[in-house]
Amino acid sequence: IYTVLNTNQSLSGIIYFPTGTYYLNTNFALDTDKVLVFDKNAKIKINN
């Protein structure tokens, strides 16, 4: 999900993760003061 995060995080102070699994395979730095909202059964799976 790196590309989607990198392209869109500046559009809002709040990032919403609907239900599902989100695979992160690239280092990613969130903007300062970002709010992450997770719906039920939503998770980020971060690779080795």
All heavy atoms as atom14 arrays in JSON, in Angstrom:
{
  "sequence": "IYTVLNTNQSLSGIIYFPTGTYYLNTNFALDTDKVLVFDKNAKIKINN",
  "atom14_mask": [
    [1, 1, 1, 1, 1, 1, 1, 1, 0, 0, 0, 0, 0, 0],
    [1, 1, 1, 1, 1, 1, 1, 1, 1, 1, 1, 1, 0, 0],
    [1, 1, 1, 1, 1, 1, 1, 0, 0, 0, 0, 0, 0, 0],
    [1, 1, 1, 1, 1, 1, 1, 0, 0, 0, 0, 0, 0, 0],
    [1, 1, 1, 1, 1, 1, 1, 1, 0, 0, 0, 0, 0, 0],
    [1, 1, 1, 1, 1, 1, 1, 1, 0, 0, 0, 0, 0, 0],
    [1, 1, 1, 1, 1, 1, 1, 0, 0, 0, 0, 0, 0, 0],
    [1, 1, 1, 1, 1, 1, 1, 1, 0, 0, 0, 0, 0, 0],
    [1, 1, 1, 1, 1, 1, 1, 1, 1, 0, 0, 0, 0, 0],
    [1, 1, 1, 1, 1, 1, 0, 0, 0, 0, 0, 0, 0, 0],
    [1, 1, 1, 1, 1, 1, 1, 1, 0, 0, 0, 0, 0, 0],
    [1, 1, 1, 1, 1, 1, 0, 0, 0, 0, 0, 0, 0, 0],
    [1, 1, 1, 1, 0, 0, 0, 0, 0, 0, 0, 0, 0, 0],
    [1, 1, 1, 1, 1, 1, 1, 1, 0, 0, 0, 0, 0, 0],
    [1, 1, 1, 1, 1, 1, 1, 1, 0, 0, 0, 0, 0, 0],
    [1, 1, 1, 1, 1, 1, 1, 1, 1, 1, 1, 1, 0, 0],
    [1, 1, 1, 1, 1, 1, 1, 1, 1, 1, 1, 0, 0, 0],
    [1, 1, 1, 1, 1, 1, 1, 0, 0, 0, 0, 0, 0, 0],
    [1, 1, 1, 1, 1, 1, 1, 0, 0, 0, 0, 0, 0, 0],
    [1, 1, 1, 1, 0, 0, 0, 0, 0, 0, 0, 0, 0, 0],
    [1, 1, 1, 1, 1, 1, 1, 0, 0, 0, 0, 0, 0, 0],
    [1, 1, 1, 1, 1, 1, 1, 1, 1, 1, 1, 1, 0, 0],
    [1, 1, 1, 1, 1, 1, 1, 1, 1, 1, 1, 1, 0, 0],
    [1, 1, 1, 1, 1, 1, 1, 1, 0, 0, 0, 0, 0, 0],
    [1, 1, 1, 1, 1, 1, 1, 1, 0, 0, 0, 0, 0, 0],
    [1, 1, 1, 1, 1, 1, 1, 0, 0, 0, 0, 0, 0, 0],
    [1, 1, 1, 1, 1, 1, 1, 1, 0, 0, 0, 0, 0, 0],
    [1, 1, 1, 1, 1, 1, 1, 1, 1, 1, 1, 0, 0, 0],
    [1, 1, 1, 1, 1, 0, 0, 0, 0, 0, 0, 0, 0, 0],
    [1, 1, 1, 1, 1, 1, 1, 1, 0, 0, 0, 0, 0, 0],
    [1, 1, 1, 1, 1, 1, 1, 1, 0, 0, 0, 0, 0, 0],
    [1, 1, 1, 1, 1, 1, 1, 0, 0, 0, 0, 0, 0, 0],
    [1, 1, 1, 1, 1, 1, 1, 1, 0, 0, 0, 0, 0, 0],
    [1, 1, 1, 1, 1, 1, 1, 1, 1, 0, 0, 0, 0, 0],
    [1, 1, 1, 1, 1, 1, 1, 0, 0, 0, 0, 0, 0, 0],
    [1, 1, 1, 1, 1, 1, 1, 1, 0, 0, 0, 0, 0, 0],
    [1, 1, 1, 1, 1, 1, 1, 0, 0, 0, 0, 0, 0, 0],
    [1, 1, 1, 1, 1, 1, 1, 1, 1, 1, 1, 0, 0, 0],
    [1, 1, 1, 1, 1, 1, 1, 1, 0, 0, 0, 0, 0, 0],
    [1, 1, 1, 1, 1, 1, 1, 1, 1, 0, 0, 0, 0, 0],
    [1, 1, 1, 1, 1, 1, 1, 1, 0, 0, 0, 0, 0, 0],
    [1, 1, 1, 1, 1, 0, 0, 0, 0, 0, 0, 0, 0, 0],
    [1, 1, 1, 1, 1, 1, 1, 1, 1, 0, 0, 0, 0, 0],
    [1, 1, 1, 1, 1, 1, 1, 1, 0, 0, 0, 0, 0, 0],
    [1, 1, 1, 1, 1, 1, 1, 1, 1, 0, 0, 0, 0, 0],
    [1, 1, 1, 1, 1, 1, 1, 1, 0, 0, 0, 0, 0, 0],
    [1, 1, 1, 1, 1, 1, 1, 1, 0, 0, 0, 0, 0, 0],
    [1, 1, 1, 1, 1, 1, 1, 1, 0, 0, 0, 0, 0, 0]
  ],
  "atom14_positions": [
    [[0.82, -1.22, 0.0], [0.0, 0.0, 0.0], [0.85, 1.26, 0.0], [0.32, 2.37, 0.1], [-0.96, 0.03, 1.21], [-0.16, 0.07, 2.53], [-1.91, -1.14, 1.17], [-1.02, 0.34, 3.76], [0.0, 0.0, 0.0], [0.0, 0.0, 0.0], [0.0, 0.0, 0.0], [0.0, 0.0, 0.0], [0.0, 0.0, 0.0], [0.0, 0.0, 0.0]],
    [[2.17, 1.11, -0.12], [3.06, 2.27, -0.02], [2.67, 3.38, -0.98], [2.57, 4.56, -0.59], [4.51, 1.86, -0.27], [5.44, 3.04, -0.41], [5.98, 3.67, 0.72], [5.77, 3.56, -1.66], [6.8, 4.77, 0.6], [6.59, 4.67, -1.79], [7.11, 5.27, -0.66], [7.92, 6.36, -0.8], [0.0, 0.0, 0.0], [0.0, 0.0, 0.0]],
    [[2.46, 3.06, -2.22], [2.19, 4.09, -3.23], [0.92, 4.86, -2.92], [0.89, 6.1, -3.02], [2.09, 3.46, -4.63], [3.33, 2.83, -4.95], [1.79, 4.52, -5.68], [0.0, 0.0, 0.0], [0.0, 0.0, 0.0], [0.0, 0.0, 0.0], [0.0, 0.0, 0.0], [0.0, 0.0, 0.0], [0.0, 0.0, 0.0], [0.0, 0.0, 0.0]],
    [[-0.13, 4.14, -2.5], [-1.39, 4.82, -2.16], [-1.2, 5.72, -0.94], [-1.68, 6.86, -0.92], [-2.49, 3.78, -1.9], [-3.78, 4.48, -1.46], [-2.74, 2.95, -3.14], [0.0, 0.0, 0.0], [0.0, 0.0, 0.0], [0.0, 0.0, 0.0], [0.0, 0.0, 0.0], [0.0, 0.0, 0.0], [0.0, 0.0, 0.0], [0.0, 0.0, 0.0]],
    [[-0.49, 5.24, 0.07], [-0.22, 6.07, 1.25], [0.6, 7.3, 0.88], [0.27, 8.43, 1.26], [0.54, 5.26, 2.3], [-0.25, 4.37, 3.25], [0.71, 3.56, 4.11], [-1.18, 5.19, 4.12], [0.0, 0.0, 0.0], [0.0, 0.0, 0.0], [0.0, 0.0, 0.0], [0.0, 0.0, 0.0], [0.0, 0.0, 0.0], [0.0, 0.0, 0.0]],
    [[1.65, 7.1, 0.12], [2.56, 8.19, -0.22], [1.88, 9.25, -1.08], [2.14, 10.45, -0.94], [3.77, 7.63, -0.97], [4.88, 8.64, -1.11], [5.27, 9.28, -0.13], [5.4, 8.78, -2.31], [0.0, 0.0, 0.0], [0.0, 0.0, 0.0], [0.0, 0.0, 0.0], [0.0, 0.0, 0.0], [0.0, 0.0, 0.0], [0.0, 0.0, 0.0]],
    [[0.98, 8.83, -1.95], [0.3, 9.75, -2.85], [-0.79, 10.54, -2.17], [-1.05, 11.71, -2.52], [-0.3, 8.98, -4.04], [0.74, 8.27, -4.72], [-0.98, 9.93, -5.03], [0.0, 0.0, 0.0], [0.0, 0.0, 0.0], [0.0, 0.0, 0.0], [0.0, 0.0, 0.0], [0.0, 0.0, 0.0], [0.0, 0.0, 0.0], [0.0, 0.0, 0.0]],
    [[-1.43, 9.94, -1.16], [-2.67, 10.52, -0.63], [-2.61, 11.03, 0.8], [-3.55, 11.71, 1.23], [-3.79, 9.49, -0.74], [-4.14, 9.15, -2.16], [-4.78, 9.93, -2.85], [-3.71, 7.98, -2.62], [0.0, 0.0, 0.0], [0.0, 0.0, 0.0], [0.0, 0.0, 0.0], [0.0, 0.0, 0.0], [0.0, 0.0, 0.0], [0.0, 0.0, 0.0]],
    [[-1.57, 10.74, 1.58], [-1.61, 11.12, 2.99], [-1.68, 12.63, 3.21], [-2.2, 13.1, 4.21], [-0.46, 10.5, 3.77], [0.88, 11.19, 3.65], [1.78, 10.88, 4.84], [1.31, 10.67, 5.97], [3.09, 10.82, 4.6], [0.0, 0.0, 0.0], [0.0, 0.0, 0.0], [0.0, 0.0, 0.0], [0.0, 0.0, 0.0], [0.0, 0.0, 0.0]],
    [[-1.16, 13.41, 2.26], [-1.17, 14.87, 2.42], [-2.55, 15.48, 2.18], [-2.76, 16.67, 2.43], [-0.16, 15.5, 1.45], [-0.53, 15.26, 0.11], [0.0, 0.0, 0.0], [0.0, 0.0, 0.0], [0.0, 0.0, 0.0], [0.0, 0.0, 0.0], [0.0, 0.0, 0.0], [0.0, 0.0, 0.0], [0.0, 0.0, 0.0], [0.0, 0.0, 0.0]],
    [[-3.51, 14.68, 1.71], [-4.84, 15.21, 1.39], [-5.7, 15.44, 2.62], [-6.7, 16.17, 2.55], [-5.57, 14.25, 0.44], [-4.89, 14.0, -0.91], [-5.72, 13.02, -1.74], [-4.68, 15.3, -1.68], [0.0, 0.0, 0.0], [0.0, 0.0, 0.0], [0.0, 0.0, 0.0], [0.0, 0.0, 0.0], [0.0, 0.0, 0.0], [0.0, 0.0, 0.0]],
    [[-5.35, 14.83, 3.74], [-6.15, 14.96, 4.96], [-5.31, 14.63, 6.16], [-4.32, 13.89, 6.07], [-7.37, 14.02, 4.89], [-8.07, 14.01, 6.12], [0.0, 0.0, 0.0], [0.0, 0.0, 0.0], [0.0, 0.0, 0.0], [0.0, 0.0, 0.0], [0.0, 0.0, 0.0], [0.0, 0.0, 0.0], [0.0, 0.0, 0.0], [0.0, 0.0, 0.0]],
    [[-5.7, 15.16, 7.32], [-5.01, 14.82, 8.55], [-5.41, 13.47, 9.1], [-4.82, 12.98, 10.05], [0.0, 0.0, 0.0], [0.0, 0.0, 0.0], [0.0, 0.0, 0.0], [0.0, 0.0, 0.0], [0.0, 0.0, 0.0], [0.0, 0.0, 0.0], [0.0, 0.0, 0.0], [0.0, 0.0, 0.0], [0.0, 0.0, 0.0], [0.0, 0.0, 0.0]],
    [[-6.44, 12.86, 8.49], [-6.97, 11.6, 8.97], [-6.95, 10.56, 7.87], [-7.46, 10.79, 6.77], [-8.41, 11.76, 9.5], [-8.44, 12.8, 10.63], [-8.98, 10.43, 9.98], [-9.83, 13.11, 11.15], [0.0, 0.0, 0.0], [0.0, 0.0, 0.0], [0.0, 0.0, 0.0], [0.0, 0.0, 0.0], [0.0, 0.0, 0.0], [0.0, 0.0, 0.0]],
    [[-6.35, 9.41, 8.16], [-6.34, 8.29, 7.23], [-7.23, 7.2, 7.79], [-7.07, 6.77, 8.93], [-4.92, 7.73, 7.03], [-4.0, 8.81, 6.45], [-4.94, 6.52, 6.1], [-2.56, 8.37, 6.3], [0.0, 0.0, 0.0], [0.0, 0.0, 0.0], [0.0, 0.0, 0.0], [0.0, 0.0, 0.0], [0.0, 0.0, 0.0], [0.0, 0.0, 0.0]],
    [[-8.18, 6.75, 6.99], [-9.15, 5.75, 7.41], [-8.87, 4.41, 6.74], [-8.74, 4.32, 5.52], [-10.57, 6.23, 7.08], [-11.64, 5.17, 7.25], [-11.8, 4.51, 8.46], [-12.49, 4.85, 6.2], [-12.79, 3.55, 8.62], [-13.48, 3.9, 6.34], [-13.62, 3.24, 7.56], [-14.59, 2.29, 7.71], [0.0, 0.0, 0.0], [0.0, 0.0, 0.0]],
    [[-8.75, 3.36, 7.56], [-8.52, 2.0, 7.09], [-9.81, 1.2, 7.23], [-10.15, 0.76, 8.34], [-7.42, 1.32, 7.91], [-6.05, 1.93, 7.74], [-5.69, 3.07, 8.44], [-5.13, 1.35, 6.88], [-4.43, 3.63, 8.28], [-3.86, 1.9, 6.72], [-3.52, 3.04, 7.42], [0.0, 0.0, 0.0], [0.0, 0.0, 0.0], [0.0, 0.0, 0.0]],
    [[-10.57, 1.0, 6.17], [-11.74, 0.12, 6.26], [-11.32, -1.31, 6.58], [-10.13, -1.65, 6.53], [-12.36, 0.21, 4.84], [-11.82, 1.48, 4.27], [-10.44, 1.62, 4.83], [0.0, 0.0, 0.0], [0.0, 0.0, 0.0], [0.0, 0.0, 0.0], [0.0, 0.0, 0.0], [0.0, 0.0, 0.0], [0.0, 0.0, 0.0], [0.0, 0.0, 0.0]],
    [[-12.28, -2.16, 6.88], [-12.0, -3.54, 7.22], [-11.13, -4.21, 6.15], [-11.37, -4.06, 4.96], [-13.31, -4.32, 7.37], [-14.07, -3.75, 8.44], [-13.06, -5.78, 7.67], [0.0, 0.0, 0.0], [0.0, 0.0, 0.0], [0.0, 0.0, 0.0], [0.0, 0.0, 0.0], [0.0, 0.0, 0.0], [0.0, 0.0, 0.0], [0.0, 0.0, 0.0]],
    [[-10.1, -4.92, 6.61], [-9.23, -5.63, 5.68], [-7.8, -5.66, 6.18], [-7.48, -5.13, 7.25], [0.0, 0.0, 0.0], [0.0, 0.0, 0.0], [0.0, 0.0, 0.0], [0.0, 0.0, 0.0], [0.0, 0.0, 0.0], [0.0, 0.0, 0.0], [0.0, 0.0, 0.0], [0.0, 0.0, 0.0], [0.0, 0.0, 0.0], [0.0, 0.0, 0.0]],
    [[-6.92, -6.28, 5.41], [-5.5, -6.36, 5.72], [-4.72, -5.54, 4.7], [-4.91, -5.7, 3.49], [-5.0, -7.82, 5.7], [-5.71, -8.57, 6.69], [-3.52, -7.89, 6.0], [0.0, 0.0, 0.0], [0.0, 0.0, 0.0], [0.0, 0.0, 0.0], [0.0, 0.0, 0.0], [0.0, 0.0, 0.0], [0.0, 0.0, 0.0], [0.0, 0.0, 0.0]],
    [[-3.84, -4.68, 5.2], [-3.07, -3.77, 4.36], [-1.6, -4.12, 4.47], [-1.0, -4.0, 5.54], [-3.32, -2.32, 4.78], [-4.78, -1.93, 4.66], [-5.68, -2.2, 5.69], [-5.26, -1.33, 3.5], [-7.02, -1.88, 5.57], [-6.6, -0.99, 3.38], [-7.48, -1.27, 4.42], [-8.81, -0.96, 4.29], [0.0, 0.0, 0.0], [0.0, 0.0, 0.0]],
    [[-1.02, -4.57, 3.37], [0.36, -5.04, 3.35], [1.3, -3.88, 3.06], [1.14, -3.17, 2.07], [0.5, -6.11, 2.28], [1.88, -6.68, 2.1], [2.56, -7.28, 3.17], [2.5, -6.65, 0.86], [3.82, -7.82, 2.99], [3.76, -7.19, 0.67], [4.42, -7.77, 1.73], [5.67, -8.3, 1.57], [0.0, 0.0, 0.0], [0.0, 0.0, 0.0]],
    [[2.28, -3.68, 3.95], [3.28, -2.63, 3.76], [4.63, -3.29, 3.53], [5.15, -3.97, 4.41], [3.32, -1.7, 4.97], [4.25, -0.49, 4.86], [3.8, 0.44, 3.73], [4.31, 0.28, 6.17], [0.0, 0.0, 0.0], [0.0, 0.0, 0.0], [0.0, 0.0, 0.0], [0.0, 0.0, 0.0], [0.0, 0.0, 0.0], [0.0, 0.0, 0.0]],
    [[5.2, -3.06, 2.35], [6.46, -3.71, 1.97], [7.55, -2.69, 1.69], [8.6, -3.05, 1.16], [6.24, -4.59, 0.74], [7.39, -5.54, 0.49], [8.0, -6.05, 1.43], [7.72, -5.77, -0.78], [0.0, 0.0, 0.0], [0.0, 0.0, 0.0], [0.0, 0.0, 0.0], [0.0, 0.0, 0.0], [0.0, 0.0, 0.0], [0.0, 0.0, 0.0]],
    [[7.29, -1.42, 2.06], [8.26, -0.35, 1.84], [8.25, 0.57, 3.05], [7.18, 0.91, 3.55], [7.9, 0.46, 0.58], [7.69, -0.44, -0.52], [9.01, 1.45, 0.23], [0.0, 0.0, 0.0], [0.0, 0.0, 0.0], [0.0, 0.0, 0.0], [0.0, 0.0, 0.0], [0.0, 0.0, 0.0], [0.0, 0.0, 0.0], [0.0, 0.0, 0.0]],
    [[9.42, 0.98, 3.53], [9.47, 1.9, 4.66], [8.6, 3.12, 4.38], [8.64, 3.69, 3.28], [10.91, 2.36, 4.9], [11.8, 1.25, 5.4], [11.34, 0.29, 6.02], [13.09, 1.37, 5.15], [0.0, 0.0, 0.0], [0.0, 0.0, 0.0], [0.0, 0.0, 0.0], [0.0, 0.0, 0.0], [0.0, 0.0, 0.0], [0.0, 0.0, 0.0]],
    [[7.84, 3.52, 5.4], [6.95, 4.67, 5.21], [6.91, 5.53, 6.46], [6.74, 5.01, 7.57], [5.53, 4.23, 4.87], [4.63, 5.36, 4.48], [4.74, 5.93, 3.22], [3.72, 5.89, 5.37], [3.93, 7.0, 2.85], [2.92, 6.96, 5.02], [3.02, 7.52, 3.75], [0.0, 0.0, 0.0], [0.0, 0.0, 0.0], [0.0, 0.0, 0.0]],
    [[7.07, 6.84, 6.28], [7.0, 7.8, 7.38], [5.69, 8.58, 7.28], [5.45, 9.29, 6.3], [8.19, 8.75, 7.33], [0.0, 0.0, 0.0], [0.0, 0.0, 0.0], [0.0, 0.0, 0.0], [0.0, 0.0, 0.0], [0.0, 0.0, 0.0], [0.0, 0.0, 0.0], [0.0, 0.0, 0.0], [0.0, 0.0, 0.0], [0.0, 0.0, 0.0]],
    [[4.85, 8.45, 8.3], [3.62, 9.21, 8.36], [3.92, 10.67, 8.68], [4.88, 10.98, 9.38], [2.7, 8.65, 9.44], [2.15, 7.24, 9.18], [1.7, 6.6, 10.48], [0.99, 7.3, 8.19], [0.0, 0.0, 0.0], [0.0, 0.0, 0.0], [0.0, 0.0, 0.0], [0.0, 0.0, 0.0], [0.0, 0.0, 0.0], [0.0, 0.0, 0.0]],
    [[3.1, 11.57, 8.16], [3.25, 12.98, 8.51], [3.0, 13.17, 10.0], [2.2, 12.46, 10.61], [2.25, 13.84, 7.73], [2.58, 13.91, 6.25], [3.73, 13.62, 5.88], [1.68, 14.27, 5.46], [0.0, 0.0, 0.0], [0.0, 0.0, 0.0], [0.0, 0.0, 0.0], [0.0, 0.0, 0.0], [0.0, 0.0, 0.0], [0.0, 0.0, 0.0]],
    [[3.67, 14.16, 10.59], [3.5, 14.47, 12.01], [2.04, 14.79, 12.32], [1.35, 15.46, 11.54], [4.39, 15.66, 12.4], [5.75, 15.31, 12.15], [4.24, 16.02, 13.86], [0.0, 0.0, 0.0], [0.0, 0.0, 0.0], [0.0, 0.0, 0.0], [0.0, 0.0, 0.0], [0.0, 0.0, 0.0], [0.0, 0.0, 0.0], [0.0, 0.0, 0.0]],
    [[1.57, 14.31, 13.46], [0.22, 14.56, 13.96], [-0.87, 13.88, 13.13], [-2.04, 14.26, 13.2], [-0.09, 16.06, 14.04], [0.82, 16.79, 15.0], [1.13, 16.23, 16.06], [1.23, 17.93, 14.69], [0.0, 0.0, 0.0], [0.0, 0.0, 0.0], [0.0, 0.0, 0.0], [0.0, 0.0, 0.0], [0.0, 0.0, 0.0], [0.0, 0.0, 0.0]],
    [[-0.5, 12.88, 12.38], [-1.5, 12.16, 11.58], [-2.4, 11.33, 12.5], [-1.97, 10.79, 13.51], [-0.81, 11.24, 10.58], [-1.73, 10.63, 9.54], [-2.28, 11.69, 8.59], [-1.21, 12.3, 7.71], [-1.75, 13.3, 6.79], [0.0, 0.0, 0.0], [0.0, 0.0, 0.0], [0.0, 0.0, 0.0], [0.0, 0.0, 0.0], [0.0, 0.0, 0.0]],
    [[-3.69, 11.26, 12.14], [-4.66, 10.43, 12.86], [-4.97, 9.21, 12.0], [-5.32, 9.35, 10.83], [-5.96, 11.2, 13.16], [-6.97, 10.28, 13.86], [-5.67, 12.43, 14.0], [0.0, 0.0, 0.0], [0.0, 0.0, 0.0], [0.0, 0.0, 0.0], [0.0, 0.0, 0.0], [0.0, 0.0, 0.0], [0.0, 0.0, 0.0], [0.0, 0.0, 0.0]],
    [[-4.83, 8.02, 12.59], [-5.16, 6.78, 11.9], [-6.42, 6.19, 12.51], [-6.47, 5.93, 13.71], [-4.01, 5.77, 12.01], [-2.61, 6.22, 11.6], [-1.63, 5.07, 11.72], [-2.61, 6.78, 10.18], [0.0, 0.0, 0.0], [0.0, 0.0, 0.0], [0.0, 0.0, 0.0], [0.0, 0.0, 0.0], [0.0, 0.0, 0.0], [0.0, 0.0, 0.0]],
    [[-7.43, 5.97, 11.7], [-8.7, 5.41, 12.15], [-8.85, 4.02, 11.54], [-8.84, 3.87, 10.32], [-9.9, 6.29, 11.74], [-11.21, 5.64, 12.18], [-9.77, 7.68, 12.34], [0.0, 0.0, 0.0], [0.0, 0.0, 0.0], [0.0, 0.0, 0.0], [0.0, 0.0, 0.0], [0.0, 0.0, 0.0], [0.0, 0.0, 0.0], [0.0, 0.0, 0.0]],
    [[-8.98, 3.01, 12.4], [-9.11, 1.63, 11.94], [-10.53, 1.14, 12.19], [-11.01, 1.18, 13.32], [-8.13, 0.72, 12.68], [-6.69, 0.96, 12.33], [-5.98, 1.99, 12.94], [-6.03, 0.16, 11.42], [-4.64, 2.22, 12.63], [-4.7, 0.37, 11.11], [-4.0, 1.4, 11.71], [0.0, 0.0, 0.0], [0.0, 0.0, 0.0], [0.0, 0.0, 0.0]],
    [[-11.18, 0.65, 11.15], [-12.49, 0.03, 11.34], [-12.29, -1.39, 11.88], [-11.15, -1.86, 12.0], [-13.27, 0.01, 10.03], [-14.76, 0.18, 10.26], [-15.24, -0.22, 11.34], [-15.45, 0.71, 9.37], [0.0, 0.0, 0.0], [0.0, 0.0, 0.0], [0.0, 0.0, 0.0], [0.0, 0.0, 0.0], [0.0, 0.0, 0.0], [0.0, 0.0, 0.0]],
    [[-13.36, -2.06, 12.21], [-13.26, -3.4, 12.78], [-12.52, -4.33, 11.82], [-12.75, -4.31, 10.61], [-14.65, -3.96, 13.08], [-15.37, -3.26, 14.23], [-16.7, -3.92, 14.5], [-17.42, -3.23, 15.66], [-16.68, -3.34, 16.93], [0.0, 0.0, 0.0], [0.0, 0.0, 0.0], [0.0, 0.0, 0.0], [0.0, 0.0, 0.0], [0.0, 0.0, 0.0]],
    [[-11.62, -5.13, 12.4], [-10.86, -6.13, 11.64], [-10.0, -5.51, 10.53], [-9.77, -6.15, 9.5], [-11.8, -7.18, 11.04], [-12.56, -7.94, 12.1], [-12.0, -8.38, 13.1], [-13.86, -8.09, 11.9], [0.0, 0.0, 0.0], [0.0, 0.0, 0.0], [0.0, 0.0, 0.0], [0.0, 0.0, 0.0], [0.0, 0.0, 0.0], [0.0, 0.0, 0.0]],
    [[-9.54, -4.3, 10.77], [-8.59, -3.67, 9.85], [-7.2, -3.71, 10.48], [-7.04, -3.43, 11.67], [-8.99, -2.23, 9.57], [0.0, 0.0, 0.0], [0.0, 0.0, 0.0], [0.0, 0.0, 0.0], [0.0, 0.0, 0.0], [0.0, 0.0, 0.0], [0.0, 0.0, 0.0], [0.0, 0.0, 0.0], [0.0, 0.0, 0.0], [0.0, 0.0, 0.0]],
    [[-6.21, -4.11, 9.7], [-4.85, -4.17, 10.24], [-3.83, -3.92, 9.14], [-4.1, -4.15, 7.96], [-4.59, -5.51, 10.9], [-4.51, -6.7, 9.96], [-4.11, -7.99, 10.66], [-5.12, -8.44, 11.67], [-4.79, -9.77, 12.26], [0.0, 0.0, 0.0], [0.0, 0.0, 0.0], [0.0, 0.0, 0.0], [0.0, 0.0, 0.0], [0.0, 0.0, 0.0]],
    [[-2.65, -3.43, 9.56], [-1.52, -3.25, 8.66], [-0.53, -4.39, 8.93], [-0.08, -4.57, 10.06], [-0.83, -1.9, 8.9], [-1.82, -0.75, 8.74], [0.33, -1.72, 7.91], [-1.22, 0.61, 9.11], [0.0, 0.0, 0.0], [0.0, 0.0, 0.0], [0.0, 0.0, 0.0], [0.0, 0.0, 0.0], [0.0, 0.0, 0.0], [0.0, 0.0, 0.0]],
    [[-0.19, -5.12, 7.88], [0.79, -6.21, 8.0], [2.1, -5.73, 7.4], [2.18, -5.44, 6.2], [0.3, -7.46, 7.28], [1.14, -8.69, 7.59], [0.44, -9.97, 7.13], [1.17, -11.21, 7.64], [0.43, -12.45, 7.31], [0.0, 0.0, 0.0], [0.0, 0.0, 0.0], [0.0, 0.0, 0.0], [0.0, 0.0, 0.0], [0.0, 0.0, 0.0]],
    [[3.13, -5.61, 8.25], [4.39, -4.98, 7.86], [5.44, -6.05, 7.62], [5.7, -6.89, 8.48], [4.86, -3.99, 8.94], [3.73, -2.98, 9.25], [6.12, -3.26, 8.49], [4.03, -2.06, 10.39], [0.0, 0.0, 0.0], [0.0, 0.0, 0.0], [0.0, 0.0, 0.0], [0.0, 0.0, 0.0], [0.0, 0.0, 0.0], [0.0, 0.0, 0.0]],
    [[6.04, -6.02, 6.45], [6.97, -7.07, 6.05], [8.3, -6.97, 6.8], [8.63, -5.92, 7.38], [7.23, -7.0, 4.54], [7.77, -8.31, 3.99], [7.72, -9.35, 4.65], [8.27, -8.28, 2.77], [0.0, 0.0, 0.0], [0.0, 0.0, 0.0], [0.0, 0.0, 0.0], [0.0, 0.0, 0.0], [0.0, 0.0, 0.0], [0.0, 0.0, 0.0]],
    [[9.05, -8.05, 6.78], [10.35, -8.12, 7.43], [11.29, -7.02, 6.94], [11.42, -6.8, 5.72], [10.99, -9.49, 7.17], [12.3, -9.67, 7.89], [12.43, -9.32, 9.06], [13.29, -10.21, 7.21], [0.0, 0.0, 0.0], [0.0, 0.0, 0.0], [0.0, 0.0, 0.0], [0.0, 0.0, 0.0], [0.0, 0.0, 0.0], [0.0, 0.0, 0.0]]
  ]
}
